[in-house]
Amino acid sequence: MEKEYDKVAVRLTQILLKLNANERLTLEELAQEFNVSIRTIQRDLHDRFAFLPIEKNDGYYSLKEYCLGKLSFNDIKLFANLSGIGKLYPSLNQQFLVDLLNERVNAPYIVNSIAYEDVSDKETIFQILHIAILKHNILKFSYNEKMREVNPYNLVNTNGIWYLLADENNKLKTFSINKIQNLCSTSKIFKVSSSFENEIKKNNVKWVSSDIKKAVLYIDKKIQYFFERRDIFHTQKILEKIEDGIIVEVFYSYEDEFLSQVQYWIPNIKIIEPTALADKMKDILISYTKSLA
C-alpha cells in the first residue's frame, strides 16, 4: 500500500513537471507511461489538478500560457506531499493553491496532520490572516469574549485543528481559527522576533497549550498502516506492536479537539488511558446513537 501511495505521488509530480515545461499531453500517452487506466489520468487532470488552468485542444492537455514556469521543482514536490488532503484548506480555488505551491507565499502554513476540521466557510478569515502574516500587520479580533491585539506568525494545523500562532503581550500563543470573531487587520507593522521564529522552527506541541496531557490508544490492524506510515497525531509514539494492532502514546492539549480527532478513526481506535477520557468518548457515542433513534 505504501508503494502504491508513492506511485501516485511520483505520477502527479511527473505530470506537473511536464505541464510546467509546456508539454502537450494526451490521456493515452500518460496512461501508457505510468501504466494506469485512462480513467485514472482523467481523474488526475480533472480532479487532482482542478486548481490549475489546464486547457484541452484537439485531445491535448496543456497549461495556459500565463501560468507556465510559475511552479518551481520544490513547489511541485510540495504539491505531491499535499496530494489527497484538499479539504484541509479553506478553499481550493486556483489562486489559493497557486499561492500555496509558491515557496515564499506558503510560508505561513504549518501542517502536522492529515485529518482535518471543516474550515470551508473560513476562506475570508484565512486570506486576512495569510496577508497579515506575510506583511507583518498587527491583528485585532475577539476571542473567548475578549478583544485581542496580536502579532501573527503562522497558521498551524495540529491534530486536524487550524490555529493562528501569534505573539500576544510578548508570549507565543495559539488561537483556534473557528473561535476567532470580528477579525481586523491593522496597518500597524510589528517587528518580527528572531527568538519566536526559532521557537516556531522547533515545531513543538507546547504552542497549543502549556497544559499537556497524555493518552494511550489502541489502533487495530485495519488502520495500523496509516499510523506507522506517518504521524496521524503530531505527538504520537508507537509503544508496542501486538498481534491485532499497535499501542500508541499521544500528547494533547485540548480534550474536545483530541476526541474529535479520535472520532475520525472510529471504530478502529480505542482510548485505553486515561479511563475518564475513554468514558467521555463512550458517552459521546451513546448520545449520538440515541439521536439517530
C-alpha atoms as a PDB file:
ATOM      1  CA  MET A   1       0.000   0.000   0.000  1.00  0.00           C
ATOM      2  CA  GLU A   2       2.890   2.358   0.798  1.00  0.00           C
ATOM      3  CA  LYS A   3       4.381   1.683  -2.614  1.00  0.00           C
ATOM      4  CA  GLU A   4       1.016   2.412  -4.202  1.00  0.00           C
ATOM      5  CA  TYR A   5       0.867   5.796  -2.447  1.00  0.00           C
ATOM      6  CA  ASP A   6       4.410   6.592  -3.596  1.00  0.00           C
ATOM      7  CA  LYS A   7       3.486   5.710  -7.183  1.00  0.00           C
ATOM      8  CA  VAL A   8       0.648   8.232  -7.074  1.00  0.00           C
ATOM      9  CA  ALA A   9       2.940  10.962  -5.715  1.00  0.00           C
ATOM     10  CA  VAL A  10       5.560  10.244  -8.394  1.00  0.00           C
ATOM     11  CA  ARG A  11       2.944  10.224 -11.162  1.00  0.00           C
ATOM     12  CA  LEU A  12       1.404  13.521 -10.059  1.00  0.00           C
ATOM     13  CA  THR A  13       4.821  15.106  -9.700  1.00  0.00           C
ATOM     14  CA  GLN A  14       5.901  13.986 -13.172  1.00  0.00           C
ATOM     15  CA  ILE A  15       2.678  15.203 -14.784  1.00  0.00           C
ATOM     16  CA  LEU A  16       3.089  18.591 -13.120  1.00  0.00           C
ATOM     17  CA  LEU A  17       6.667  18.803 -14.354  1.00  0.00           C
ATOM     18  CA  LYS A  18       5.508  18.071 -17.887  1.00  0.00           C
ATOM     19  CA  LEU A  19       2.730  20.662 -17.725  1.00  0.00           C
ATOM     20  CA  ASN A  20       5.047  23.259 -16.243  1.00  0.00           C
ATOM     21  CA  ALA A  21       7.520  22.619 -19.089  1.00  0.00           C
ATOM     22  CA  ASN A  22       4.782  23.424 -21.648  1.00  0.00           C
ATOM     23  CA  GLU A  23       4.394  19.841 -22.864  1.00  0.00           C
ATOM     24  CA  ARG A  24       1.165  18.888 -24.635  1.00  0.00           C
ATOM     25  CA  LEU A  25      -0.168  15.693 -23.106  1.00  0.00           C
ATOM     26  CA  THR A  26      -2.718  13.081 -24.142  1.00  0.00           C
ATOM     27  CA  LEU A  27      -4.643  10.726 -21.906  1.00  0.00           C
ATOM     28  CA  GLU A  28      -3.448   7.697 -23.849  1.00  0.00           C
ATOM     29  CA  GLU A  29       0.260   8.592 -23.657  1.00  0.00           C
ATOM     30  CA  LEU A  30       0.119   9.344 -19.939  1.00  0.00           C
ATOM     31  CA  ALA A  31      -1.812   6.159 -19.196  1.00  0.00           C
ATOM     32  CA  GLN A  32       0.781   4.113 -21.082  1.00  0.00           C
ATOM     33  CA  GLU A  33       3.747   5.886 -19.491  1.00  0.00           C
ATOM     34  CA  PHE A  34       2.519   5.399 -15.920  1.00  0.00           C
ATOM     35  CA  ASN A  35       0.837   2.048 -16.506  1.00  0.00           C
ATOM     36  CA  VAL A  36      -2.589   3.170 -15.272  1.00  0.00           C
ATOM     37  CA  SER A  37      -6.020   3.441 -16.846  1.00  0.00           C
ATOM     38  CA  ILE A  38      -7.194   6.407 -18.890  1.00  0.00           C
ATOM     39  CA  ARG A  39      -9.863   6.974 -16.240  1.00  0.00           C
ATOM     40  CA  THR A  40      -7.110   7.402 -13.613  1.00  0.00           C
ATOM     41  CA  ILE A  41      -5.376  10.034 -15.757  1.00  0.00           C
ATOM     42  CA  GLN A  42      -8.683  11.809 -16.305  1.00  0.00           C
ATOM     43  CA  ARG A  43      -9.142  11.939 -12.521  1.00  0.00           C
ATOM     44  CA  ASP A  44      -5.634  13.359 -12.139  1.00  0.00           C
ATOM     45  CA  LEU A  45      -6.231  16.134 -14.648  1.00  0.00           C
ATOM     46  CA  HIS A  46      -9.833  16.990 -13.829  1.00  0.00           C
ATOM     47  CA  ASP A  47      -9.963  16.443 -10.070  1.00  0.00           C
ATOM     48  CA  ARG A  48      -6.490  16.446  -8.511  1.00  0.00           C
ATOM     49  CA  PHE A  49      -5.309  19.295 -10.743  1.00  0.00           C
ATOM     50  CA  ALA A  50      -8.634  21.138 -10.792  1.00  0.00           C
ATOM     51  CA  PHE A  51      -6.957  24.250  -9.349  1.00  0.00           C
ATOM     52  CA  LEU A  52      -4.604  24.586 -12.328  1.00  0.00           C
ATOM     53  CA  PRO A  53      -5.570  26.447 -15.511  1.00  0.00           C
ATOM     54  CA  ILE A  54      -5.334  23.384 -17.786  1.00  0.00           C
ATOM     55  CA  GLU A  55      -6.819  23.648 -21.277  1.00  0.00           C
ATOM     56  CA  LYS A  56      -7.702  20.947 -23.779  1.00  0.00           C
ATOM     57  CA  ASN A  57      -7.285  21.414 -27.525  1.00  0.00           C
ATOM     58  CA  ASP A  58      -7.636  18.659 -30.118  1.00  0.00           C
ATOM     59  CA  GLY A  59      -7.232  15.976 -27.469  1.00  0.00           C
ATOM     60  CA  TYR A  60      -4.077  17.530 -25.983  1.00  0.00           C
ATOM     61  CA  TYR A  61      -3.867  18.886 -22.435  1.00  0.00           C
ATOM     62  CA  SER A  62      -1.550  21.771 -21.579  1.00  0.00           C
ATOM     63  CA  LEU A  63      -1.095  24.561 -19.062  1.00  0.00           C
ATOM     64  CA  LYS A  64      -2.367  28.007 -20.040  1.00  0.00           C
ATOM     65  CA  GLU A  65       0.461  30.270 -21.115  1.00  0.00           C
ATOM     66  CA  TYR A  66       0.244  32.775 -18.242  1.00  0.00           C
ATOM     67  CA  CYS A  67       0.984  30.023 -15.680  1.00  0.00           C
ATOM     68  CA  LEU A  68       3.926  28.399 -17.468  1.00  0.00           C
ATOM     69  CA  GLY A  69       7.136  28.218 -15.479  1.00  0.00           C
ATOM     70  CA  LYS A  70       5.491  29.643 -12.348  1.00  0.00           C
ATOM     71  CA  LEU A  71       5.877  26.383 -10.395  1.00  0.00           C
ATOM     72  CA  SER A  72       9.390  25.522  -9.250  1.00  0.00           C
ATOM     73  CA  PHE A  73      10.510  21.932  -8.729  1.00  0.00           C
ATOM     74  CA  ASN A  74      10.254  22.451  -4.969  1.00  0.00           C
ATOM     75  CA  ASP A  75       6.723  23.763  -5.463  1.00  0.00           C
ATOM     76  CA  ILE A  76       5.808  20.603  -7.337  1.00  0.00           C
ATOM     77  CA  LYS A  77       7.358  18.379  -4.687  1.00  0.00           C
ATOM     78  CA  LEU A  78       5.267  20.241  -2.132  1.00  0.00           C
ATOM     79  CA  PHE A  79       2.126  19.506  -4.105  1.00  0.00           C
ATOM     80  CA  ALA A  80       2.971  15.808  -4.100  1.00  0.00           C
ATOM     81  CA  ASN A  81       3.086  15.990  -0.306  1.00  0.00           C
ATOM     82  CA  LEU A  82      -0.262  17.754  -0.236  1.00  0.00           C
ATOM     83  CA  SER A  83      -1.982  15.302  -2.579  1.00  0.00           C
ATOM     84  CA  GLY A  84      -5.134  13.844  -1.158  1.00  0.00           C
ATOM     85  CA  ILE A  85      -5.724  16.385   1.619  1.00  0.00           C
ATOM     86  CA  GLY A  86      -7.523  19.089  -0.350  1.00  0.00           C
ATOM     87  CA  LYS A  87     -10.237  19.626   2.262  1.00  0.00           C
ATOM     88  CA  LEU A  88      -7.590  20.533   4.816  1.00  0.00           C
ATOM     89  CA  TYR A  89      -7.624  24.069   3.407  1.00  0.00           C
ATOM     90  CA  PRO A  90     -10.499  26.576   3.365  1.00  0.00           C
ATOM     91  CA  SER A  91     -10.513  26.998  -0.410  1.00  0.00           C
ATOM     92  CA  LEU A  92      -9.340  25.097  -3.438  1.00  0.00           C
ATOM     93  CA  ASN A  93      -9.697  27.883  -5.958  1.00  0.00           C
ATOM     94  CA  GLN A  94      -6.931  28.442  -8.466  1.00  0.00           C
ATOM     95  CA  GLN A  95      -5.287  31.431  -6.793  1.00  0.00           C
ATOM     96  CA  PHE A  96      -5.236  29.876  -3.336  1.00  0.00           C
ATOM     97  CA  LEU A  97      -3.430  26.724  -4.412  1.00  0.00           C
ATOM     98  CA  VAL A  98      -1.077  28.538  -6.762  1.00  0.00           C
ATOM     99  CA  ASP A  99      -0.147  30.618  -3.701  1.00  0.00           C
ATOM    100  CA  LEU A 100       0.092  27.507  -1.558  1.00  0.00           C
ATOM    101  CA  LEU A 101       2.520  25.924  -4.007  1.00  0.00           C
ATOM    102  CA  ASN A 102       4.687  29.026  -4.060  1.00  0.00           C
ATOM    103  CA  GLU A 103       7.711  28.558  -1.782  1.00  0.00           C
ATOM    104  CA  ARG A 104       7.561  32.112  -0.435  1.00  0.00           C
ATOM    105  CA  VAL A 105       3.826  32.555  -0.125  1.00  0.00           C
ATOM    106  CA  ASN A 106       3.177  29.187   1.552  1.00  0.00           C
ATOM    107  CA  ALA A 107       5.464  30.106   4.453  1.00  0.00           C
ATOM    108  CA  PRO A 108       2.553  30.953   6.818  1.00  0.00           C
ATOM    109  CA  TYR A 109       1.291  27.343   6.767  1.00  0.00           C
ATOM    110  CA  ILE A 110       2.497  24.547   9.058  1.00  0.00           C
ATOM    111  CA  VAL A 111       0.641  21.237   8.736  1.00  0.00           C
ATOM    112  CA  ASN A 112       1.143  18.498  11.316  1.00  0.00           C
ATOM    113  CA  SER A 113      -1.639  16.058  10.412  1.00  0.00           C
ATOM    114  CA  ILE A 114      -3.664  14.595   7.577  1.00  0.00           C
ATOM    115  CA  ALA A 115      -7.085  14.673   9.222  1.00  0.00           C
ATOM    116  CA  TYR A 116      -8.858  17.993   9.342  1.00  0.00           C
ATOM    117  CA  GLU A 117     -11.670  20.101  10.680  1.00  0.00           C
ATOM    118  CA  ASP A 118     -14.114  21.741   8.258  1.00  0.00           C
ATOM    119  CA  VAL A 119     -12.934  25.298   7.541  1.00  0.00           C
ATOM    120  CA  SER A 120     -14.644  25.625   4.159  1.00  0.00           C
ATOM    121  CA  ASP A 121     -16.554  28.689   5.412  1.00  0.00           C
ATOM    122  CA  LYS A 122     -13.394  30.426   6.668  1.00  0.00           C
ATOM    123  CA  GLU A 123     -11.861  31.424   3.344  1.00  0.00           C
ATOM    124  CA  THR A 124     -12.061  35.178   4.036  1.00  0.00           C
ATOM    125  CA  ILE A 125     -10.533  34.765   7.508  1.00  0.00           C
ATOM    126  CA  PHE A 126      -7.667  32.684   6.106  1.00  0.00           C
ATOM    127  CA  GLN A 127      -6.989  35.302   3.429  1.00  0.00           C
ATOM    128  CA  ILE A 128      -6.832  38.101   6.009  1.00  0.00           C
ATOM    129  CA  LEU A 129      -4.554  36.066   8.278  1.00  0.00           C
ATOM    130  CA  HIS A 130      -2.357  34.949   5.389  1.00  0.00           C
ATOM    131  CA  ILE A 131      -1.717  38.511   4.186  1.00  0.00           C
ATOM    132  CA  ALA A 132      -1.189  39.851   7.706  1.00  0.00           C
ATOM    133  CA  ILE A 133       1.440  37.173   8.388  1.00  0.00           C
ATOM    134  CA  LEU A 134       3.317  37.940   5.173  1.00  0.00           C
ATOM    135  CA  LYS A 135       3.183  41.725   5.683  1.00  0.00           C
ATOM    136  CA  HIS A 136       3.692  41.606   9.492  1.00  0.00           C
ATOM    137  CA  ASN A 137       0.483  43.523  10.178  1.00  0.00           C
ATOM    138  CA  ILE A 138      -0.887  43.601  13.726  1.00  0.00           C
ATOM    139  CA  LEU A 139      -4.268  41.874  14.048  1.00  0.00           C
ATOM    140  CA  LYS A 140      -7.272  42.636  16.237  1.00  0.00           C
ATOM    141  CA  PHE A 141     -10.097  40.201  16.961  1.00  0.00           C
ATOM    142  CA  SER A 142     -12.476  38.900  19.589  1.00  0.00           C
ATOM    143  CA  TYR A 143     -11.596  35.567  21.210  1.00  0.00           C
ATOM    144  CA  ASN A 144     -13.357  33.916  24.154  1.00  0.00           C
ATOM    145  CA  GLU A 145     -15.341  37.139  24.686  1.00  0.00           C
ATOM    146  CA  LYS A 146     -12.167  39.218  24.966  1.00  0.00           C
ATOM    147  CA  MET A 147     -10.606  41.633  22.484  1.00  0.00           C
ATOM    148  CA  ARG A 148      -7.081  40.687  21.428  1.00  0.00           C
ATOM    149  CA  GLU A 149      -4.266  42.521  19.670  1.00  0.00           C
ATOM    150  CA  VAL A 150      -1.588  40.155  18.372  1.00  0.00           C
ATOM    151  CA  ASN A 151       1.420  39.838  16.094  1.00  0.00           C
ATOM    152  CA  PRO A 152       0.708  36.897  13.725  1.00  0.00           C
ATOM    153  CA  TYR A 153       3.466  34.400  12.802  1.00  0.00           C
ATOM    154  CA  ASN A 154       1.933  31.256  11.311  1.00  0.00           C
ATOM    155  CA  LEU A 155      -1.183  29.256  10.582  1.00  0.00           C
ATOM    156  CA  VAL A 156      -0.693  25.869  12.217  1.00  0.00           C
ATOM    157  CA  ASN A 157      -2.643  22.651  11.728  1.00  0.00           C
ATOM    158  CA  THR A 158      -2.120  20.323  14.669  1.00  0.00           C
ATOM    159  CA  ASN A 159      -4.144  17.113  15.053  1.00  0.00           C
ATOM    160  CA  GLY A 160      -6.556  18.330  12.396  1.00  0.00           C
ATOM    161  CA  ILE A 161      -7.298  21.707  14.013  1.00  0.00           C
ATOM    162  CA  TRP A 162      -6.265  25.036  12.495  1.00  0.00           C
ATOM    163  CA  TYR A 163      -4.683  27.608  14.813  1.00  0.00           C
ATOM    164  CA  LEU A 164      -3.265  31.087  14.450  1.00  0.00           C
ATOM    165  CA  LEU A 165       0.153  31.173  16.108  1.00  0.00           C
ATOM    166  CA  ALA A 166       0.707  34.720  17.338  1.00  0.00           C
ATOM    167  CA  ASP A 167       2.531  36.854  19.869  1.00  0.00           C
ATOM    168  CA  GLU A 168       0.248  38.406  22.469  1.00  0.00           C
ATOM    169  CA  ASN A 169       1.946  40.548  25.102  1.00  0.00           C
ATOM    170  CA  ASN A 170       5.374  39.082  24.272  1.00  0.00           C
ATOM    171  CA  LYS A 171       4.192  35.482  24.575  1.00  0.00           C
ATOM    172  CA  LEU A 172       3.575  32.967  21.783  1.00  0.00           C
ATOM    173  CA  LYS A 173       0.004  31.696  21.886  1.00  0.00           C
ATOM    174  CA  THR A 174      -2.354  29.758  19.654  1.00  0.00           C
ATOM    175  CA  PHE A 175      -5.886  30.762  18.772  1.00  0.00           C
ATOM    176  CA  SER A 176      -8.345  28.303  17.232  1.00  0.00           C
ATOM    177  CA  ILE A 177      -9.426  29.715  13.849  1.00  0.00           C
ATOM    178  CA  ASN A 178     -13.014  28.604  14.436  1.00  0.00           C
ATOM    179  CA  LYS A 179     -13.194  30.725  17.593  1.00  0.00           C
ATOM    180  CA  ILE A 180     -11.840  33.966  16.101  1.00  0.00           C
ATOM    181  CA  GLN A 181     -14.506  36.650  15.640  1.00  0.00           C
ATOM    182  CA  ASN A 182     -14.577  40.240  14.372  1.00  0.00           C
ATOM    183  CA  LEU A 183     -11.176  39.858  12.742  1.00  0.00           C
ATOM    184  CA  CYS A 184      -9.470  43.048  11.590  1.00  0.00           C
ATOM    185  CA  SER A 185      -6.023  43.563  10.093  1.00  0.00           C
ATOM    186  CA  THR A 186      -4.493  46.909  11.034  1.00  0.00           C
ATOM    187  CA  SER A 187      -1.980  49.000   9.110  1.00  0.00           C
ATOM    188  CA  LYS A 188       0.458  48.830  12.029  1.00  0.00           C
ATOM    189  CA  ILE A 189       3.616  46.781  11.405  1.00  0.00           C
ATOM    190  CA  PHE A 190       5.298  44.695  14.110  1.00  0.00           C
ATOM    191  CA  LYS A 191       8.959  43.732  14.336  1.00  0.00           C
ATOM    192  CA  VAL A 192       9.483  40.016  13.869  1.00  0.00           C
ATOM    193  CA  SER A 193      11.153  38.315  16.843  1.00  0.00           C
ATOM    194  CA  SER A 194      14.037  36.031  15.894  1.00  0.00           C
ATOM    195  CA  SER A 195      13.637  34.139  19.191  1.00  0.00           C
ATOM    196  CA  PHE A 196       9.988  33.437  18.383  1.00  0.00           C
ATOM    197  CA  GLU A 197      10.930  32.312  14.880  1.00  0.00           C
ATOM    198  CA  ASN A 198      13.490  29.891  16.312  1.00  0.00           C
ATOM    199  CA  GLU A 199      10.918  28.562  18.740  1.00  0.00           C
ATOM    200  CA  ILE A 200       8.441  28.042  15.912  1.00  0.00           C
ATOM    201  CA  LYS A 201      11.005  26.070  13.921  1.00  0.00           C
ATOM    202  CA  LYS A 202      11.164  23.573  16.771  1.00  0.00           C
ATOM    203  CA  ASN A 203       7.579  22.710  15.831  1.00  0.00           C
ATOM    204  CA  ASN A 204       6.627  21.820  19.401  1.00  0.00           C
ATOM    205  CA  VAL A 205       3.165  20.955  20.723  1.00  0.00           C
ATOM    206  CA  LYS A 206       3.649  23.493  23.524  1.00  0.00           C
ATOM    207  CA  TRP A 207       2.392  26.123  21.059  1.00  0.00           C
ATOM    208  CA  VAL A 208      -1.108  24.873  21.613  1.00  0.00           C
ATOM    209  CA  SER A 209      -1.095  24.882  25.393  1.00  0.00           C
ATOM    210  CA  SER A 210       1.214  24.649  28.382  1.00  0.00           C
ATOM    211  CA  ASP A 211      -1.234  22.119  29.870  1.00  0.00           C
ATOM    212  CA  ILE A 212      -0.162  18.931  28.085  1.00  0.00           C
ATOM    213  CA  LYS A 213      -1.963  15.644  28.758  1.00  0.00           C
ATOM    214  CA  LYS A 214      -1.135  12.071  27.761  1.00  0.00           C
ATOM    215  CA  ALA A 215      -3.384   9.412  26.255  1.00  0.00           C
ATOM    216  CA  VAL A 216      -2.723   5.813  25.254  1.00  0.00           C
ATOM    217  CA  LEU A 217      -4.594   4.457  22.237  1.00  0.00           C
ATOM    218  CA  TYR A 218      -5.194   1.032  20.752  1.00  0.00           C
ATOM    219  CA  ILE A 219      -5.074   1.054  16.941  1.00  0.00           C
ATOM    220  CA  ASP A 220      -6.368  -2.078  15.240  1.00  0.00           C
ATOM    221  CA  LYS A 221      -4.587  -3.648  12.288  1.00  0.00           C
ATOM    222  CA  LYS A 222      -7.129  -2.307   9.761  1.00  0.00           C
ATOM    223  CA  ILE A 223      -5.730   1.224  10.165  1.00  0.00           C
ATOM    224  CA  GLN A 224      -2.331   0.395  11.657  1.00  0.00           C
ATOM    225  CA  TYR A 225      -0.609   1.161   8.363  1.00  0.00           C
ATOM    226  CA  PHE A 226      -1.609   4.841   8.460  1.00  0.00           C
ATOM    227  CA  PHE A 227      -0.174   5.347  11.952  1.00  0.00           C
ATOM    228  CA  GLU A 228       3.061   3.573  11.044  1.00  0.00           C
ATOM    229  CA  ARG A 229       3.454   5.466   7.783  1.00  0.00           C
ATOM    230  CA  ARG A 230       3.123   8.943   9.293  1.00  0.00           C
ATOM    231  CA  ASP A 231       2.234  10.751  12.498  1.00  0.00           C
ATOM    232  CA  ILE A 232      -1.554  10.954  12.398  1.00  0.00           C
ATOM    233  CA  PHE A 233      -1.312  12.639  15.788  1.00  0.00           C
ATOM    234  CA  HIS A 234       1.620  15.014  15.660  1.00  0.00           C
ATOM    235  CA  THR A 235       2.986  13.877  19.028  1.00  0.00           C
ATOM    236  CA  GLN A 236       2.317  10.161  18.660  1.00  0.00           C
ATOM    237  CA  LYS A 237       4.770   7.445  19.622  1.00  0.00           C
ATOM    238  CA  ILE A 238       4.255   3.745  18.959  1.00  0.00           C
ATOM    239  CA  LEU A 239       4.767   1.967  22.275  1.00  0.00           C
ATOM    240  CA  GLU A 240       4.099  -1.616  21.278  1.00  0.00           C
ATOM    241  CA  LYS A 241       3.146  -3.809  18.333  1.00  0.00           C
ATOM    242  CA  ILE A 242       0.666  -6.528  19.247  1.00  0.00           C
ATOM    243  CA  GLU A 243      -0.958  -9.325  17.289  1.00  0.00           C
ATOM    244  CA  ASP A 244      -4.027  -7.378  16.179  1.00  0.00           C
ATOM    245  CA  GLY A 245      -2.676  -3.815  16.093  1.00  0.00           C
ATOM    246  CA  ILE A 246      -0.452  -1.299  17.877  1.00  0.00           C
ATOM    247  CA  ILE A 247      -0.457   0.691  21.114  1.00  0.00           C
ATOM    248  CA  VAL A 248       0.215   4.409  20.631  1.00  0.00           C
ATOM    249  CA  GLU A 249       1.039   7.177  23.093  1.00  0.00           C
ATOM    250  CA  VAL A 250      -0.212  10.666  22.257  1.00  0.00           C
ATOM    251  CA  PHE A 251       0.180  14.037  23.965  1.00  0.00           C
ATOM    252  CA  TYR A 252      -2.616  16.552  23.519  1.00  0.00           C
ATOM    253  CA  SER A 253      -3.750  19.916  24.820  1.00  0.00           C
ATOM    254  CA  TYR A 254      -7.484  20.341  24.329  1.00  0.00           C
ATOM    255  CA  GLU A 255      -9.665  17.395  25.279  1.00  0.00           C
ATOM    256  CA  ASP A 256     -12.611  18.105  22.991  1.00  0.00           C
ATOM    257  CA  GLU A 257     -10.413  18.649  19.952  1.00  0.00           C
ATOM    258  CA  PHE A 258      -8.453  15.488  20.702  1.00  0.00           C
ATOM    259  CA  LEU A 259     -11.677  13.478  20.968  1.00  0.00           C
ATOM    260  CA  SER A 260     -12.814  14.927  17.674  1.00  0.00           C
ATOM    261  CA  GLN A 261      -9.630  13.607  16.082  1.00  0.00           C
ATOM    262  CA  VAL A 262     -10.157  10.178  17.655  1.00  0.00           C
ATOM    263  CA  GLN A 263     -13.720  10.026  16.319  1.00  0.00           C
ATOM    264  CA  TYR A 264     -12.362  10.292  12.790  1.00  0.00           C
ATOM    265  CA  TRP A 265     -10.877   6.774  13.134  1.00  0.00           C
ATOM    266  CA  ILE A 266     -13.751   5.036  14.932  1.00  0.00           C
ATOM    267  CA  PRO A 267     -14.464   2.079  15.058  1.00  0.00           C
ATOM    268  CA  ASN A 268     -10.816   1.090  14.573  1.00  0.00           C
ATOM    269  CA  ILE A 269      -9.420   3.044  17.500  1.00  0.00           C
ATOM    270  CA  LYS A 270      -9.884   2.821  21.274  1.00  0.00           C
ATOM    271  CA  ILE A 271      -8.789   5.021  24.175  1.00  0.00           C
ATOM    272  CA  ILE A 272      -7.019   2.877  26.786  1.00  0.00           C
ATOM    273  CA  GLU A 273      -5.862   5.672  29.095  1.00  0.00           C
ATOM    274  CA  PRO A 274      -6.994   7.809  30.781  1.00  0.00           C
ATOM    275  CA  THR A 275     -10.195   5.940  31.624  1.00  0.00           C
ATOM    276  CA  ALA A 276     -12.078   9.208  32.233  1.00  0.00           C
ATOM    277  CA  LEU A 277     -11.365  10.246  28.645  1.00  0.00           C
ATOM    278  CA  ALA A 278     -12.465   6.811  27.382  1.00  0.00           C
ATOM    279  CA  ASP A 279     -15.728   7.186  29.330  1.00  0.00           C
ATOM    280  CA  LYS A 280     -16.308  10.628  27.825  1.00  0.00           C
ATOM    281  CA  MET A 281     -15.787   9.203  24.337  1.00  0.00           C
ATOM    282  CA  LYS A 282     -18.273   6.436  25.145  1.00  0.00           C
ATOM    283  CA  ASP A 283     -20.870   8.985  26.336  1.00  0.00           C
ATOM    284  CA  ILE A 284     -20.450  10.979  23.127  1.00  0.00           C
ATOM    285  CA  LEU A 285     -21.068   7.882  21.013  1.00  0.00           C
ATOM    286  CA  ILE A 286     -24.079   6.792  23.091  1.00  0.00           C
ATOM    287  CA  SER A 287     -25.593  10.255  22.803  1.00  0.00           C
ATOM    288  CA  TYR A 288     -25.032  10.235  19.049  1.00  0.00           C
ATOM    289  CA  THR A 289     -26.621   6.789  18.698  1.00  0.00           C
ATOM    290  CA  LYS A 290     -29.678   7.884  20.668  1.00  0.00           C
ATOM    291  CA  SER A 291     -30.072  10.925  18.439  1.00  0.00           C
ATOM    292  CA  LEU A 292     -30.471   8.600  15.444  1.00  0.00           C
ATOM    293  CA  ALA A 293     -33.315   6.646  17.046  1.00  0.00           C
END
